[in-house]
Amino acid sequence: MRKLAVLALLLLVVFASDLSAQQMSAKKSMLLSALVPGLGEYSQGNNVRGTIFLTAEVLTILSYLRLDKEIEWKQRSFEQYANRYAGIPLGSSDSYYRIVGKYQSSDVYNSEWEQYLRNRFIIYENDPEAYAYYREQIFIPEEDSWDWSSSDKFIRYRELRKEKQQMEIYINFSIGAAVLNRLISVIDTAVISKGNQKSSNTLSNLKVIPDPERLGHSLVYEYKF
């Protein structure tokens, strides 16, 4: 994945160098910035800003790829740990892993739910059918039971899960950074384009006209706000 990212970077640099050779319309440049930050700046002839935004984009992509790999490694880490010390089958559902991280054993889990279901559906609502239905839906069967061998291992498993969740938060930040980089690049491209347009208007409004009174020519400069 990283090799592909580097290859994509090289292609973007080549593409950007072609863009800098000719200026595009503001809308097209802004669209380029929305797709890949920096390309809009290149298309408007501002290579310095283009390089800054493009570099930020590449760093964001590399960060995302690294975090994605880290999440994958953390996932395998806590799954293997749970399999080794609590007998959890590899590849179980995320909801199951979440429950395993909240209860020391399936017996504790079942006991707490048993108490809740009895109090609600037997004692208060007198509804044995609802009690039987939810008991079947919620209870962990014997073949899916677990029991952490010690409190230390149980705590360590929860820490591994939190580490993975932290990586997921970081990767969301990298996605947010990519979106923000595009937004700023689009605005920056619009500003550069407007500045280029003013420069262009300045040149087009610089005129030389005949001046019969002075038997020569006059230099006329018009600037529109």
Protein backbone atom coordinates (compact mmCIF):
# COMPACT_ATOMS: atom_id res chain seq x y z
CA MET A 1 0.00 0.00 0.00
CA ARG A 2 2.78 2.45 0.82
CA LYS A 3 4.51 1.73 -2.51
CA LEU A 4 1.26 2.51 -4.28
CA ALA A 5 0.97 5.76 -2.34
CA VAL A 6 4.51 6.77 -3.34
CA LEU A 7 3.78 5.88 -6.98
CA ALA A 8 0.59 7.93 -6.86
CA LEU A 9 2.60 10.84 -5.43
CA LEU A 10 5.08 10.69 -8.33
CA LEU A 11 2.25 10.65 -10.85
CA LEU A 12 0.64 13.63 -9.12
CA VAL A 13 3.90 15.57 -9.23
CA VAL A 14 4.23 14.93 -12.97
CA PHE A 15 0.59 15.88 -13.49
CA ALA A 16 1.02 19.00 -11.36
CA SER A 17 4.03 20.11 -13.41
CA ASP A 18 1.89 19.94 -16.53
CA LEU A 19 -0.86 21.93 -14.85
CA SER A 20 1.53 24.70 -13.86
CA ALA A 21 2.38 25.26 -17.52
CA GLN A 22 -1.10 26.59 -18.26
CA GLN A 23 -3.65 28.27 -16.05
CA MET A 24 -7.18 26.92 -15.86
CA SER A 25 -10.49 28.54 -15.06
CA ALA A 26 -11.25 29.13 -11.38
CA LYS A 27 -14.01 26.49 -11.28
CA LYS A 28 -11.84 23.79 -12.83
CA SER A 29 -8.97 24.63 -10.50
CA MET A 30 -11.24 24.50 -7.45
CA LEU A 31 -12.55 21.12 -8.61
CA LEU A 32 -8.97 19.86 -8.85
CA SER A 33 -8.30 21.08 -5.30
CA ALA A 34 -11.39 19.26 -4.08
CA LEU A 35 -10.11 16.03 -5.66
CA VAL A 36 -6.44 16.40 -4.72
CA PRO A 37 -5.36 19.38 -2.58
CA GLY A 38 -2.57 21.32 -4.27
CA LEU A 39 -3.49 20.60 -7.88
CA GLY A 40 -5.71 23.67 -8.02
CA GLU A 41 -2.83 25.85 -6.84
CA TYR A 42 -0.54 24.28 -9.45
CA SER A 43 -3.09 24.93 -12.19
CA GLN A 44 -3.12 28.61 -11.19
CA GLY A 45 0.66 28.82 -11.36
CA ASN A 46 1.35 28.89 -7.61
CA ASN A 47 3.72 25.95 -7.23
CA VAL A 48 4.80 26.81 -3.68
CA ARG A 49 1.31 26.61 -2.22
CA GLY A 50 0.53 23.64 -4.41
CA THR A 51 3.50 21.76 -2.99
CA ILE A 52 2.44 22.58 0.57
CA PHE A 53 -1.10 21.25 0.13
CA LEU A 54 0.02 18.24 -1.90
CA THR A 55 2.61 17.34 0.75
CA ALA A 56 -0.05 17.60 3.46
CA GLU A 57 -2.29 15.30 1.42
CA VAL A 58 0.45 12.69 0.99
CA LEU A 59 1.27 12.76 4.71
CA THR A 60 -2.43 12.34 5.51
CA ILE A 61 -2.70 9.35 3.17
CA LEU A 62 0.41 7.71 4.62
CA SER A 63 -0.93 8.33 8.13
CA TYR A 64 -4.25 6.74 7.21
CA LEU A 65 -2.53 3.66 5.73
CA ARG A 66 -0.33 3.29 8.79
CA LEU A 67 -3.27 3.59 11.19
CA ASP A 68 -5.33 1.17 9.14
CA LYS A 69 -2.52 -1.37 9.41
CA GLU A 70 -2.22 -0.66 13.13
CA ILE A 71 -5.95 -1.27 13.64
CA GLU A 72 -5.68 -4.57 11.81
CA TRP A 73 -2.75 -5.59 14.02
CA LYS A 74 -4.56 -4.54 17.23
CA GLN A 75 -7.63 -6.51 16.14
CA ARG A 76 -5.60 -9.69 15.64
CA SER A 77 -3.78 -9.04 18.91
CA PHE A 78 -6.83 -8.97 21.18
CA GLU A 79 -8.57 -11.77 19.26
CA GLN A 80 -5.60 -14.08 19.73
CA TYR A 81 -5.31 -13.04 23.37
CA ALA A 82 -9.00 -13.82 24.00
CA ASN A 83 -8.65 -17.15 22.26
CA ARG A 84 -5.63 -18.11 24.32
CA TYR A 85 -6.77 -17.05 27.77
CA ALA A 86 -10.57 -17.22 27.60
CA GLY A 87 -11.25 -19.77 24.88
CA ILE A 88 -13.00 -17.29 22.57
CA PRO A 89 -13.17 -18.64 18.98
CA LEU A 90 -11.12 -16.59 16.51
CA GLY A 91 -13.17 -14.39 14.20
CA SER A 92 -16.12 -13.97 16.59
CA SER A 93 -18.45 -10.99 16.12
CA ASP A 94 -17.49 -7.59 17.47
CA SER A 95 -20.55 -7.55 19.73
CA TYR A 96 -19.37 -10.83 21.28
CA TYR A 97 -15.87 -9.46 21.88
CA ARG A 98 -17.45 -6.40 23.47
CA ILE A 99 -19.45 -8.55 25.91
CA VAL A 100 -16.38 -10.61 26.71
CA GLY A 101 -14.64 -7.38 27.71
CA LYS A 102 -17.39 -6.45 30.17
CA TYR A 103 -17.78 -9.69 32.13
CA GLN A 104 -15.23 -11.93 33.81
CA SER A 105 -17.09 -15.01 32.61
CA SER A 106 -20.22 -16.07 30.75
CA ASP A 107 -21.60 -17.33 34.07
CA VAL A 108 -21.40 -13.83 35.54
CA TYR A 109 -23.06 -12.45 32.41
CA ASN A 110 -25.89 -14.99 32.50
CA SER A 111 -26.37 -14.53 36.25
CA GLU A 112 -26.83 -10.76 35.94
CA TRP A 113 -29.31 -11.11 33.08
CA GLU A 114 -31.16 -13.89 34.90
CA GLN A 115 -31.73 -11.60 37.84
CA TYR A 116 -32.92 -8.74 35.66
CA LEU A 117 -35.29 -10.88 33.56
CA ARG A 118 -36.80 -12.56 36.62
CA ASN A 119 -37.40 -9.26 38.39
CA ARG A 120 -39.03 -7.69 35.35
CA PHE A 121 -41.00 -10.44 33.64
CA ILE A 122 -41.75 -12.85 36.51
CA ILE A 123 -42.10 -10.66 39.58
CA TYR A 124 -43.35 -7.34 38.17
CA GLU A 125 -45.05 -8.15 34.86
CA ASN A 126 -45.98 -11.82 35.48
CA ASP A 127 -45.15 -12.71 31.88
CA PRO A 128 -43.40 -16.12 31.75
CA GLU A 129 -43.51 -16.19 27.95
CA ALA A 130 -41.58 -12.93 27.65
CA TYR A 131 -39.15 -14.20 30.27
CA ALA A 132 -38.52 -17.41 28.33
CA TYR A 133 -38.19 -15.55 25.01
CA TYR A 134 -35.63 -12.97 26.19
CA ARG A 135 -33.74 -15.57 28.19
CA GLU A 136 -33.23 -17.62 25.05
CA GLN A 137 -32.20 -14.54 23.05
CA ILE A 138 -29.78 -13.08 25.59
CA PHE A 139 -28.21 -16.01 27.44
CA ILE A 140 -24.81 -17.29 26.35
CA PRO A 141 -25.05 -21.03 25.56
CA GLU A 142 -22.55 -23.49 26.95
CA GLU A 143 -20.70 -23.89 23.66
CA ASP A 144 -19.99 -20.13 23.58
CA SER A 145 -19.06 -19.79 27.24
CA TRP A 146 -15.86 -18.13 28.44
CA ASP A 147 -13.97 -17.64 31.68
CA TRP A 148 -10.92 -15.45 32.09
CA SER A 149 -8.27 -17.36 33.98
CA SER A 150 -7.36 -14.32 36.10
CA SER A 151 -8.36 -10.71 36.69
CA ASP A 152 -5.02 -9.53 35.31
CA LYS A 153 -5.66 -11.20 31.97
CA PHE A 154 -9.19 -9.85 31.91
CA ILE A 155 -7.89 -6.31 32.48
CA ARG A 156 -5.17 -6.78 29.86
CA TYR A 157 -7.77 -7.84 27.29
CA ARG A 158 -9.76 -4.70 27.95
CA GLU A 159 -6.62 -2.61 27.50
CA LEU A 160 -5.95 -4.26 24.13
CA ARG A 161 -9.49 -3.47 23.06
CA LYS A 162 -9.09 0.16 24.11
CA GLU A 163 -5.85 0.45 22.15
CA LYS A 164 -7.66 -0.68 19.02
CA GLN A 165 -10.51 1.76 19.65
CA GLN A 166 -7.97 4.56 20.13
CA MET A 167 -6.49 3.79 16.73
CA GLU A 168 -9.98 4.02 15.23
CA ILE A 169 -10.35 7.49 16.73
CA TYR A 170 -7.00 8.51 15.24
CA ILE A 171 -7.95 7.23 11.79
CA ASN A 172 -11.15 9.27 11.96
CA PHE A 173 -9.00 12.30 12.71
CA SER A 174 -6.91 11.57 9.61
CA ILE A 175 -10.08 11.40 7.50
CA GLY A 176 -11.19 14.72 8.99
CA ALA A 177 -7.77 16.20 8.23
CA ALA A 178 -8.08 15.08 4.59
CA VAL A 179 -11.49 16.74 4.28
CA LEU A 180 -10.23 19.93 5.94
CA ASN A 181 -7.15 20.01 3.69
CA ARG A 182 -9.41 19.88 0.64
CA LEU A 183 -11.68 22.61 1.93
CA ILE A 184 -8.79 24.97 2.66
CA SER A 185 -7.17 24.16 -0.70
CA VAL A 186 -10.40 24.95 -2.55
CA ILE A 187 -10.67 28.32 -0.78
CA ASP A 188 -6.99 29.03 -1.36
CA THR A 189 -7.33 28.22 -5.06
CA ALA A 190 -10.28 30.58 -5.34
CA VAL A 191 -8.23 33.37 -3.72
CA ILE A 192 -5.26 32.75 -6.03
CA SER A 193 -7.53 32.63 -9.07
CA LYS A 194 -9.13 35.93 -8.09
CA GLY A 195 -5.69 37.48 -7.68
CA ASN A 196 -4.62 36.19 -11.10
CA GLN A 197 -7.80 37.58 -12.62
CA LYS A 198 -7.12 41.01 -11.13
CA SER A 199 -3.60 40.92 -12.54
CA SER A 200 -4.98 39.94 -15.92
CA ASN A 201 -7.56 42.74 -15.78
CA THR A 202 -4.84 45.19 -14.84
CA LEU A 203 -2.85 44.35 -17.95
CA SER A 204 -5.88 44.43 -20.23
CA ASN A 205 -6.90 47.85 -18.88
CA LEU A 206 -3.48 49.35 -19.47
CA LYS A 207 -3.96 51.14 -22.81
CA VAL A 208 -2.01 53.46 -25.08
CA ILE A 209 -4.25 55.98 -26.93
CA PRO A 210 -3.47 58.88 -29.27
CA ASP A 211 -3.25 62.33 -27.64
CA PRO A 212 -3.79 65.02 -30.33
CA GLU A 213 -3.34 67.91 -27.88
CA ARG A 214 0.19 66.83 -27.01
CA LEU A 215 0.96 65.46 -30.46
CA GLY A 216 1.75 62.07 -29.02
CA HIS A 217 0.21 59.25 -27.04
CA SER A 218 -1.20 58.87 -23.55
CA LEU A 219 -0.90 55.93 -21.21
CA VAL A 220 -4.31 55.15 -19.68
CA TYR A 221 -4.67 52.84 -16.70
CA GLU A 222 -8.10 51.74 -15.43
CA TYR A 223 -8.57 49.66 -12.28
CA LYS A 224 -11.97 48.27 -11.31
CA PHE A 225 -12.82 47.42 -7.72
